[in-house]
Protein backbone atom coordinates (compact mmCIF):
# COMPACT_ATOMS: atom_id res chain seq x y z
CA MET A 1 141.01 117.61 72.37
CA VAL A 2 140.60 121.37 71.79
CA LYS A 3 140.73 123.47 74.93
CA VAL A 4 138.16 126.18 75.38
CA ARG A 5 139.71 129.61 75.31
CA GLN A 6 139.62 131.40 78.64
CA PRO A 7 137.84 134.74 78.96
CA LEU A 8 139.91 137.84 78.44
CA ARG A 9 141.55 139.40 81.45
CA ALA A 10 140.40 142.71 82.86
CA GLY A 11 141.60 145.54 80.68
CA ALA A 12 142.15 143.29 77.68
CA SER A 13 139.11 144.74 75.91
CA ALA A 14 141.25 147.73 74.96
CA ARG A 15 143.34 145.42 72.76
CA VAL A 16 140.59 143.59 70.90
CA MET A 17 138.23 144.53 68.11
CA ASP A 18 134.82 144.35 69.76
CA VAL A 19 131.82 146.63 70.09
CA ALA A 20 133.51 148.69 72.80
CA PHE A 21 136.46 149.24 70.46
CA LEU A 22 134.12 150.33 67.67
CA ARG A 23 132.37 152.76 69.99
CA ARG A 24 135.69 154.38 70.90
CA ALA A 25 136.75 154.44 67.25
CA PHE A 26 133.58 156.25 66.20
CA LEU A 27 134.03 158.77 69.01
CA VAL A 28 137.46 159.54 67.56
CA PHE A 29 135.86 159.67 64.10
CA GLY A 30 133.32 162.24 65.30
CA LEU A 31 136.01 164.37 66.90
CA LEU A 32 138.15 164.29 63.75
CA MET A 33 135.18 165.27 61.61
CA MET A 34 134.75 168.36 63.78
CA LEU A 35 137.90 169.65 62.09
CA VAL A 36 136.10 169.46 58.74
CA THR A 37 132.74 170.75 59.95
CA PRO A 38 133.46 174.51 59.65
CA PHE A 39 134.23 174.06 55.95
CA THR A 40 130.98 172.23 55.06
CA HIS A 41 127.78 173.75 53.67
CA ASP A 42 125.67 172.20 56.46
CA PRO A 43 127.86 172.24 59.58
CA LEU A 44 125.12 171.18 62.02
CA ALA A 45 123.95 168.27 59.85
CA PHE A 46 127.54 167.19 59.26
CA ALA A 47 128.51 167.39 62.94
CA VAL A 48 125.44 165.55 64.24
CA GLY A 49 125.79 162.89 61.57
CA SER A 50 129.46 162.41 62.40
CA PHE A 51 128.72 161.65 66.06
CA MET A 52 125.59 159.57 65.41
CA PRO A 53 127.34 156.14 65.17
CA TRP A 54 128.97 156.72 68.56
CA VAL A 55 125.57 157.69 69.99
CA LEU A 56 123.84 154.65 68.47
CA LEU A 57 126.47 152.18 69.69
CA SER A 58 126.42 153.78 73.14
CA ILE A 59 122.66 153.23 73.30
CA VAL A 60 122.49 149.64 72.08
CA THR A 61 125.64 148.33 73.77
CA VAL A 62 124.54 145.99 76.55
CA PRO A 63 126.44 143.04 78.12
CA ALA A 64 124.66 140.51 75.92
CA MET A 65 124.38 142.63 72.80
CA PRO A 66 124.19 140.58 69.57
CA VAL A 67 126.95 141.90 67.35
CA ALA A 68 124.69 141.93 64.28
CA LEU A 69 123.13 145.11 65.65
CA VAL A 70 126.38 146.86 64.72
CA TYR A 71 125.64 146.17 61.08
CA TYR A 72 121.96 147.10 61.37
CA PHE A 73 122.45 150.54 62.87
CA LEU A 74 125.69 151.54 61.15
CA TRP A 75 124.34 150.62 57.71
CA GLN A 76 121.22 152.74 58.13
CA TRP A 77 123.21 155.63 59.59
CA ALA A 78 125.68 155.42 56.71
CA GLN A 79 122.90 155.68 54.12
CA ALA A 80 121.84 158.99 55.65
CA TYR A 81 125.36 160.30 56.37
CA ALA A 82 126.47 159.56 52.81
CA ARG A 83 124.18 162.38 51.69
CA VAL A 84 126.18 165.06 53.52
CA LEU A 85 129.34 163.55 52.04
CA GLN A 86 127.72 163.83 48.63
CA SER A 87 127.02 167.49 49.31
CA LEU A 88 130.76 168.02 49.82
CA VAL A 89 131.46 166.41 46.45
CA ASP A 90 128.68 168.38 44.73
CA GLY A 91 129.80 171.63 46.33
CA GLU A 92 126.26 172.55 47.34
CA PRO A 93 124.19 172.36 50.56
CA LEU A 94 121.74 169.55 51.27
CA GLY A 95 118.84 171.74 50.20
CA GLY A 96 120.52 172.88 47.00
CA GLY A 97 119.64 169.86 44.88
CA LEU A 98 116.64 168.86 42.79
CA TYR A 99 114.27 168.35 45.73
CA GLY A 100 115.37 171.40 47.71
CA PRO A 101 114.70 171.62 51.45
CA THR A 102 112.78 168.33 51.52
CA VAL A 103 116.16 166.54 51.40
CA VAL A 104 117.19 168.40 54.55
CA ASN A 105 113.98 167.26 56.24
CA ALA A 106 114.51 163.68 55.04
CA TYR A 107 118.04 163.67 56.48
CA TRP A 108 116.89 164.73 59.94
CA TYR A 109 113.83 162.44 59.87
CA ALA A 110 116.07 159.49 58.98
CA LEU A 111 118.54 160.19 61.79
CA ALA A 112 115.68 160.63 64.27
CA SER A 113 114.12 157.33 63.11
CA VAL A 114 117.35 155.37 63.55
CA LEU A 115 117.78 156.92 67.00
CA VAL A 116 114.26 155.83 68.04
CA LEU A 117 114.95 152.31 66.73
CA ALA A 118 118.10 152.17 68.88
CA LEU A 119 116.14 153.25 71.96
CA ALA A 120 113.58 150.52 71.30
CA PHE A 121 116.27 147.85 71.06
CA ARG A 122 117.90 149.10 74.25
CA ALA A 123 114.59 148.96 76.12
CA VAL A 124 114.02 145.32 75.14
CA LEU A 125 117.58 143.96 75.25
CA GLY A 126 118.98 145.91 78.18
CA ALA A 127 118.26 143.19 80.75
CA LEU A 128 119.73 140.28 78.76
CA LYS A 129 122.28 138.28 80.74
CA PRO A 130 125.79 137.91 79.28
CA PRO A 131 126.99 134.40 78.43
CA THR A 132 129.08 132.27 80.72
CA PRO A 133 132.66 131.56 79.54
CA GLU A 134 131.62 128.04 78.57
CA GLU A 135 128.73 129.37 76.49
CA GLU A 136 130.80 132.11 74.88
CA PHE A 137 133.70 129.90 73.82
CA GLY A 138 131.95 126.56 73.41
CA HIS A 139 132.08 126.83 69.60
CA LEU A 140 135.86 126.39 69.75
CA LYS A 141 135.29 122.67 70.36
CA TRP A 142 133.95 122.34 66.82
CA ARG A 143 136.22 121.53 63.90
CA PRO A 144 136.47 123.98 60.97
CA GLN A 145 136.21 121.15 58.43
CA ASP A 146 132.91 120.05 59.95
CA LEU A 147 131.60 123.61 59.91
CA PHE A 148 132.61 123.87 56.26
CA LEU A 149 130.63 120.72 55.50
CA LEU A 150 127.70 122.23 57.37
CA TYR A 151 128.05 125.40 55.28
CA CYS A 152 128.04 123.32 52.08
CA GLY A 153 124.91 121.51 53.26
CA THR A 154 123.07 124.75 53.99
CA LEU A 155 124.23 126.16 50.66
CA LEU A 156 122.58 123.19 48.96
CA LEU A 157 119.48 123.79 51.09
CA ALA A 158 119.39 127.43 49.93
CA VAL A 159 119.50 126.31 46.27
CA VAL A 160 116.72 123.79 46.88
CA CYS A 161 114.62 126.44 48.62
CA SER A 162 115.13 128.81 45.69
CA TYR A 163 113.81 126.26 43.20
CA ALA A 164 111.02 125.19 45.54
CA ALA A 165 109.85 128.81 45.84
CA ARG A 166 109.46 128.93 42.05
CA ILE A 167 107.46 125.73 42.02
CA ALA A 168 105.26 126.74 44.97
CA PRO A 169 105.21 130.56 45.01
CA GLY A 170 102.61 130.51 47.78
CA LEU A 171 105.35 129.27 50.13
CA SER A 172 108.12 131.54 48.86
CA GLN A 173 108.40 133.44 52.14
CA GLN A 174 108.78 130.25 54.14
CA PHE A 175 111.40 128.86 51.77
CA ASP A 176 113.30 132.14 51.79
CA ALA A 177 113.41 132.15 55.60
CA ALA A 178 114.62 128.54 55.73
CA ALA A 179 117.36 129.35 53.21
CA ARG A 180 118.81 131.81 55.75
CA LEU A 181 120.27 128.86 57.62
CA LYS A 182 123.21 129.31 55.28
CA ILE A 183 124.01 132.62 56.98
CA VAL A 184 124.09 130.90 60.37
CA ALA A 185 126.47 128.20 59.13
CA GLU A 186 128.65 130.77 57.36
CA PHE A 187 128.90 132.90 60.49
CA LEU A 188 129.79 129.89 62.66
CA LEU A 189 132.55 128.90 60.24
CA PHE A 190 134.01 132.41 60.15
CA ALA A 191 133.74 133.00 63.91
CA THR A 192 135.32 129.64 64.78
CA VAL A 193 138.22 130.02 62.34
CA LEU A 194 138.92 133.59 63.46
CA SER A 195 138.67 132.67 67.15
CA SER A 196 140.80 129.54 67.00
CA GLY A 197 143.23 130.38 64.23
CA ARG A 198 142.55 126.94 62.70
CA GLY A 199 141.06 126.16 59.29
CA GLY A 200 141.91 129.35 57.43
CA ARG A 201 141.69 127.57 54.08
CA PHE A 202 138.03 126.73 54.71
CA LEU A 203 137.28 130.38 55.45
CA ILE A 204 139.03 131.52 52.27
CA ALA A 205 137.24 128.89 50.20
CA ALA A 206 133.84 129.98 51.53
CA VAL A 207 134.58 133.67 50.94
CA LEU A 208 135.77 133.14 47.36
CA PHE A 209 132.82 130.91 46.55
CA GLU A 210 130.34 133.42 47.98
CA ILE A 211 131.88 136.19 45.89
CA LEU A 212 131.66 134.02 42.78
CA ILE A 213 128.03 133.04 43.22
CA GLY A 214 127.24 136.63 44.20
CA PHE A 215 128.07 137.73 40.67
CA THR A 216 125.92 135.12 38.94
CA GLY A 217 122.57 136.83 39.41
CA LEU A 218 120.95 139.95 38.04
CA LEU A 219 120.94 141.64 41.46
CA SER A 220 124.46 140.83 42.60
CA ASP A 221 124.86 140.31 46.35
CA PHE A 222 128.57 139.68 46.58
CA ARG A 223 128.85 142.14 49.48
CA SER A 224 127.01 139.93 52.00
CA VAL A 225 129.97 137.68 52.74
CA PHE A 226 132.10 140.71 53.63
CA PHE A 227 129.59 141.81 56.25
CA TYR A 228 129.26 138.30 57.70
CA LEU A 229 133.05 138.15 57.96
CA ALA A 230 133.24 141.55 59.67
CA ILE A 231 130.52 140.65 62.19
CA ALA A 232 132.25 137.32 62.88
CA ALA A 233 135.53 139.18 63.52
CA ILE A 234 133.80 141.42 66.08
CA ALA A 235 132.11 138.41 67.71
CA ALA A 236 135.46 136.59 67.85
CA ARG A 237 137.05 139.65 69.50
CA LEU A 238 140.23 139.49 67.45
CA SER A 239 143.35 140.98 68.94
CA TRP A 240 144.22 144.44 67.65
CA ASN A 241 147.63 143.84 66.07
CA MET A 242 149.42 144.33 62.76
CA ALA A 243 147.91 141.18 61.24
CA SER A 244 144.36 142.30 62.02
CA ILE A 245 145.11 145.81 60.72
CA VAL A 246 146.41 144.43 57.43
CA GLY A 247 143.44 142.05 57.23
CA GLY A 248 141.03 144.92 57.75
CA ILE A 249 142.69 147.00 55.05
CA VAL A 250 142.56 144.07 52.60
CA TRP A 251 138.91 143.42 53.52
CA LEU A 252 137.98 147.05 52.83
CA ALA A 253 140.04 147.29 49.64
CA VAL A 254 138.54 144.16 48.11
CA LEU A 255 134.99 145.17 49.09
CA MET A 256 135.34 148.67 47.63
CA SER A 257 137.03 147.38 44.47
CA LEU A 258 134.23 144.90 43.82
CA ALA A 259 131.58 147.50 44.65
CA LEU A 260 133.10 150.01 42.24
CA PHE A 261 133.54 147.37 39.54
CA TRP A 262 129.91 146.27 39.87
CA THR A 263 128.68 149.87 39.84
CA ALA A 264 130.62 150.53 36.64
CA VAL A 265 129.47 147.43 34.72
CA LYS A 266 126.03 146.61 36.12
CA ALA A 267 124.06 148.57 33.51
CA ASP A 268 125.82 146.83 30.60
CA PHE A 269 125.70 143.48 32.42
CA ARG A 270 121.97 143.69 33.07
CA GLU A 271 121.26 144.59 29.46
CA TYR A 272 123.39 141.66 28.33
CA ALA A 273 121.96 139.19 30.87
CA THR A 274 118.35 140.04 29.99
CA GLY A 275 118.91 140.08 26.25
CA GLY A 276 118.14 143.79 26.10
CA GLU A 277 114.59 143.33 27.37
CA GLU A 278 113.01 145.52 30.07
CA THR A 279 112.69 142.66 32.53
CA GLN A 280 114.44 141.08 35.50
CA ASN A 281 114.41 137.60 33.94
CA LEU A 282 117.81 136.25 32.95
CA SER A 283 117.99 134.96 29.39
CA VAL A 284 121.75 134.34 29.03
CA PRO A 285 123.38 131.15 30.40
CA LEU A 286 125.53 131.36 33.51
CA ALA A 287 128.79 130.57 31.70
CA GLU A 288 128.23 133.42 29.25
CA ARG A 289 127.37 135.84 32.04
CA LEU A 290 130.57 134.98 33.89
CA SER A 291 132.53 135.28 30.65
CA PHE A 292 131.09 138.76 30.12
CA LEU A 293 132.13 139.85 33.62
CA GLY A 294 135.56 138.29 33.09
CA ARG A 295 136.11 140.32 29.94
CA MET A 296 135.14 143.50 31.76
CA ALA A 297 137.45 142.69 34.68
CA ALA A 298 140.33 141.96 32.28
CA SER A 299 140.15 145.54 30.96
CA PRO A 300 140.24 147.72 34.10
CA GLY A 301 141.61 150.63 32.09
CA ASP A 302 138.30 150.87 30.21
CA ILE A 303 136.35 151.38 33.45
CA LYS A 304 135.62 154.95 34.54
CA TRP A 305 136.49 154.51 38.20
CA GLY A 306 135.89 158.12 39.17
CA GLU A 307 132.42 158.10 37.67
CA ALA A 308 131.71 154.75 39.32
CA SER A 309 132.78 156.14 42.71
CA TYR A 310 130.31 159.01 42.44
CA LEU A 311 127.52 156.75 41.22
CA LEU A 312 128.14 154.38 44.14
CA LEU A 313 127.97 157.29 46.59
CA ILE A 314 124.70 158.71 45.28
CA ARG A 315 123.19 155.22 45.01
CA PHE A 316 124.09 154.45 48.61
CA ALA A 317 122.82 157.81 49.90
CA TYR A 318 119.10 157.07 50.04
CA ILE A 319 118.02 160.45 51.35
CA ASP A 320 117.15 161.99 47.97
CA ILE A 321 114.50 159.31 47.40
CA PHE A 322 113.05 159.99 50.85
CA GLY A 323 113.17 163.71 50.03
CA SER A 324 111.33 163.18 46.75
CA VAL A 325 108.55 161.39 48.63
CA ILE A 326 108.29 164.31 51.08
CA ALA A 327 108.11 166.76 48.14
CA VAL A 328 105.24 164.85 46.54
CA GLN A 329 103.51 164.41 49.90
CA ASP A 330 103.71 168.14 50.58
CA ALA A 331 102.13 168.82 47.19
CA ARG A 332 99.27 166.32 47.62
CA PRO A 333 99.06 165.14 51.25
CA GLN A 334 97.91 161.58 51.97
CA SER A 335 98.64 161.42 55.71
CA GLY A 336 96.02 159.68 57.80
CA GLN A 337 95.00 157.17 55.13
CA LEU A 338 97.43 154.50 56.36
CA GLY A 339 97.59 153.00 52.89
CA GLN A 340 101.16 151.76 53.25
CA PHE A 341 100.49 150.13 56.61
CA GLN A 342 97.34 148.52 55.23
CA ALA A 343 99.39 147.01 52.40
CA ALA A 344 101.97 145.82 54.93
CA PHE A 345 99.37 144.15 57.17
CA ASP A 346 97.70 142.52 54.16
CA HIS A 347 101.06 141.17 53.10
CA VAL A 348 101.69 139.66 56.54
CA PHE A 349 98.26 138.40 57.54
CA LYS A 350 97.06 137.17 54.16
CA PRO A 351 99.49 134.34 53.31
CA ARG A 352 99.53 133.60 49.61
CA ILE A 353 99.00 129.91 50.30
CA PHE A 354 95.53 130.78 51.65
CA PHE A 355 94.96 133.86 49.45
CA PRO A 356 96.34 132.83 46.03
CA ASP A 357 94.74 135.86 44.37
CA LYS A 358 96.65 138.31 46.56
CA ALA A 359 98.42 140.88 44.40
CA SER A 360 102.19 140.60 44.21
CA LEU A 361 104.26 143.28 45.90
CA SER A 362 105.81 145.79 43.52
CA ASP A 363 108.34 148.14 45.07
CA THR A 364 108.66 149.86 41.70
CA GLU A 365 104.92 150.59 41.54
CA VAL A 366 105.03 152.14 45.02
CA TYR A 367 108.13 154.11 44.03
CA VAL A 368 106.43 155.52 40.93
CA ARG A 369 103.27 156.39 42.86
CA LEU A 370 104.97 158.06 45.82
CA THR A 371 107.73 159.92 43.95
CA GLY A 372 105.89 160.81 40.75
CA ALA A 373 108.69 159.29 38.68
CA ASP A 374 108.31 158.38 35.02
CA PRO A 375 107.29 154.67 34.93
CA GLY A 376 108.97 154.09 31.58
CA GLU A 377 112.28 155.51 32.78
CA VAL A 378 112.18 153.38 35.94
CA MET A 379 111.45 150.17 34.02
CA ARG A 380 114.34 150.81 31.64
CA GLU A 381 116.70 150.35 34.58
CA SER A 382 115.74 146.63 34.64
CA THR A 383 115.80 146.56 38.42
CA SER A 384 113.45 147.00 41.35
CA ILE A 385 113.58 150.19 43.36
CA SER A 386 111.90 151.02 46.66
CA VAL A 387 111.27 154.28 48.50
CA GLY A 388 112.00 152.47 51.76
CA TYR A 389 110.06 151.88 54.93
CA MET A 390 110.87 155.26 56.47
CA ALA A 391 109.43 157.14 53.50
CA GLU A 392 106.36 154.89 53.43
CA THR A 393 105.80 155.49 57.14
CA TYR A 394 106.10 159.24 56.57
CA VAL A 395 103.41 159.08 53.89
CA ASP A 396 100.96 157.51 56.35
CA LEU A 397 101.84 159.37 59.54
CA GLY A 398 103.97 162.39 58.68
CA PHE A 399 106.51 163.74 61.15
CA PRO A 400 106.77 163.31 64.13
CA GLY A 401 104.00 160.69 63.89
CA MET A 402 106.30 158.36 61.98
CA LEU A 403 108.54 158.11 65.06
CA VAL A 404 105.75 156.31 66.92
CA ALA A 405 105.68 153.74 64.13
CA MET A 406 109.47 153.48 64.25
CA LEU A 407 109.26 152.77 67.97
CA GLY A 408 106.68 150.04 67.35
CA LEU A 409 108.73 148.43 64.60
CA GLY A 410 111.83 148.57 66.78
CA LEU A 411 110.07 146.94 69.71
CA ILE A 412 108.75 144.12 67.50
CA MET A 413 112.15 143.35 65.97
CA ALA A 414 113.95 143.70 69.30
CA TRP A 415 111.54 141.29 70.98
CA MET A 416 112.24 138.72 68.25
CA VAL A 417 115.98 139.23 68.73
CA ARG A 418 115.54 138.77 72.47
CA TYR A 419 113.74 135.46 71.89
CA PHE A 420 116.61 134.15 69.76
CA MET A 421 119.24 135.35 72.24
CA GLN A 422 117.49 133.44 75.03
CA ALA A 423 117.09 130.22 73.04
CA PRO A 424 118.71 127.08 74.57
CA LEU A 425 121.54 127.10 72.04
CA PRO A 426 125.31 127.72 72.09
CA TRP A 427 126.11 131.43 72.25
CA MET A 428 127.59 131.71 68.76
CA VAL A 429 124.60 129.90 67.26
CA ARG A 430 122.31 132.50 68.84
CA GLN A 431 124.53 135.22 67.41
CA GLY A 432 124.38 133.58 63.99
CA ILE A 433 120.58 133.37 64.05
CA VAL A 434 120.31 137.04 64.98
CA LEU A 435 122.71 137.91 62.15
CA ALA A 436 120.51 135.97 59.72
CA PHE A 437 117.43 137.75 61.09
CA ILE A 438 119.00 141.21 60.93
CA TYR A 439 120.28 140.66 57.41
CA ASN A 440 116.88 139.34 56.38
CA VAL A 441 115.03 142.44 57.62
CA GLY A 442 117.79 145.05 57.36
CA GLY A 443 120.17 143.87 54.66
CA LEU A 444 118.89 146.63 52.39
CA GLY A 445 118.91 149.22 55.15
CA MET A 446 116.55 152.10 54.51
CA GLU A 447 115.61 150.62 51.13
CA MET A 448 113.54 147.82 52.71
CA SER A 449 109.86 148.39 51.98
CA LEU A 450 107.40 148.41 54.86
CA PRO A 451 105.45 145.29 53.76
CA LYS A 452 108.65 143.32 53.21
CA LEU A 453 110.09 144.48 56.54
CA LEU A 454 107.06 143.28 58.50
CA GLY A 455 106.59 140.17 56.39
CA ALA A 456 110.24 139.15 56.57
CA SER A 457 110.30 139.68 60.35
CA VAL A 458 107.21 137.62 61.09
CA MET A 459 107.96 134.79 58.67
CA PHE A 460 111.62 134.48 59.71
CA PHE A 461 110.57 134.32 63.35
CA LEU A 462 107.95 131.61 62.78
CA VAL A 463 110.22 129.47 60.61
CA PHE A 464 113.20 129.69 62.96
CA VAL A 465 111.10 128.91 66.01
CA LEU A 466 110.40 125.57 64.34
CA LEU A 467 114.01 125.12 63.20
CA ILE A 468 115.30 125.78 66.73
CA LYS A 469 112.90 123.18 68.07
CA PHE A 470 113.39 120.41 65.54
CA ALA A 471 116.28 120.93 63.09
CA LEU A 472 119.12 122.77 64.84
CA PRO A 473 119.53 120.18 67.62
CA ILE A 474 120.27 117.56 64.96
CA GLY A 475 123.00 119.70 63.40
CA LEU A 476 124.50 120.60 66.78
CA ASN A 477 124.60 116.97 67.89
CA TRP A 478 126.42 116.16 64.66
CA LEU A 479 128.97 118.95 65.30
CA HIS A 480 129.51 117.82 68.90
CA GLY A 481 129.91 114.18 67.91
CA ARG A 482 132.30 114.58 65.00
CA PRO A 483 135.56 115.08 67.02
CA GLN A 484 134.73 112.16 69.33
CA ALA A 485 133.90 109.93 66.36
CA GLU A 486 137.26 110.62 64.77
CA VAL A 487 139.12 109.89 68.02
CA ALA A 488 137.20 106.63 68.41
CA GLN A 489 138.23 105.39 64.96
CA PRO A 490 141.09 102.85 65.01
CA SER A 491 144.35 104.06 63.53
């Protein structure tokens, strides 16, 4: 029988990788960046951006804080902060680029929006009660092999949901939300293995398989498993020692290598996978797509890594797109029409199953309309591109009016998180559900469009309320009963 790990002793938090550790680390990061600040083109923007993660974590850190919020706020901060890093590489100030001072405005509006979101989450989650030791460490009674089987089952469910969504597009949102159960199972596997030190081979198998299937689609999402693993490590409160340091370095190195590789080859891969057509439909079999990527990976010397690094930086820094929207808005104001919010509410409150004639969402169409981009040039990229929910909110409400909308969105999402964190479930299961929710609504960070943000939030909440009531108890009973069943078997 597996013993439940005892809670850490007083003072032990200084020796584990948890949210408190991250907060201290980002304070050190901000102080170190002050040494660089005098040599930047925008010292105030650089300094404020450098301290923003410490500020955000200080705001949202509460005794019962779901660790997925670390990902949510740091990812959105990083998309803004990457723009001042880009300015260092370009050797010009924020306002020295194509869109001029509107990029400076977009940077500050984005930081202010993330700050308001953090305040909203703190207001809703501040009174949550921390778990008891039994609740916090109860997952250690589960066996890694059983959690791996659960992960495989939810992976199969995700595949079924994907095909079902194609057959019944009117229920695509519901199927997509149900498919997120895989994230919960994946998180539970990672957190249990990292906490207990048992079943490392199951963790490695899941990670490798997720990376493999992440490269099989047009819009590769290999990075997700790295974030789930990082959040699980924080939730497991790993000891800060040489092994964890080496593991963190390997984690970062592999993630960055794959990100740079994908950035370098994605244009050629998409053209190959679509048969050269300006579409997002795959026309090349899976085996041939993997063979193409294998040939590219076998010739690393042919990849322009420096160029890929810069392209990855400017792609991640989403402020220029926000700035382009501000530039167009300043030229032909649309504030007060609430067109983007109307589209968002129609998307949420007009389910396609009841309104089959409802127009499909097109992030690219909104991007072209709000930025004035060339439609033909955008379509030649063979991918969807969004201006993001912050830019859409600015179009409707301007600044500082958009901050009121940010507060409302934050309160809605935080209330949903609070519901999940108070559900009658084991503590790590609650954490896993919140991770699935956060990744569903914030996996793209600032890129998430306003209709998809609201729609994903509402539909995920409704689907998981039903899953918590009817489906999850079955899976948890199975996990609880597996060790006893094995012991009861005759030798």
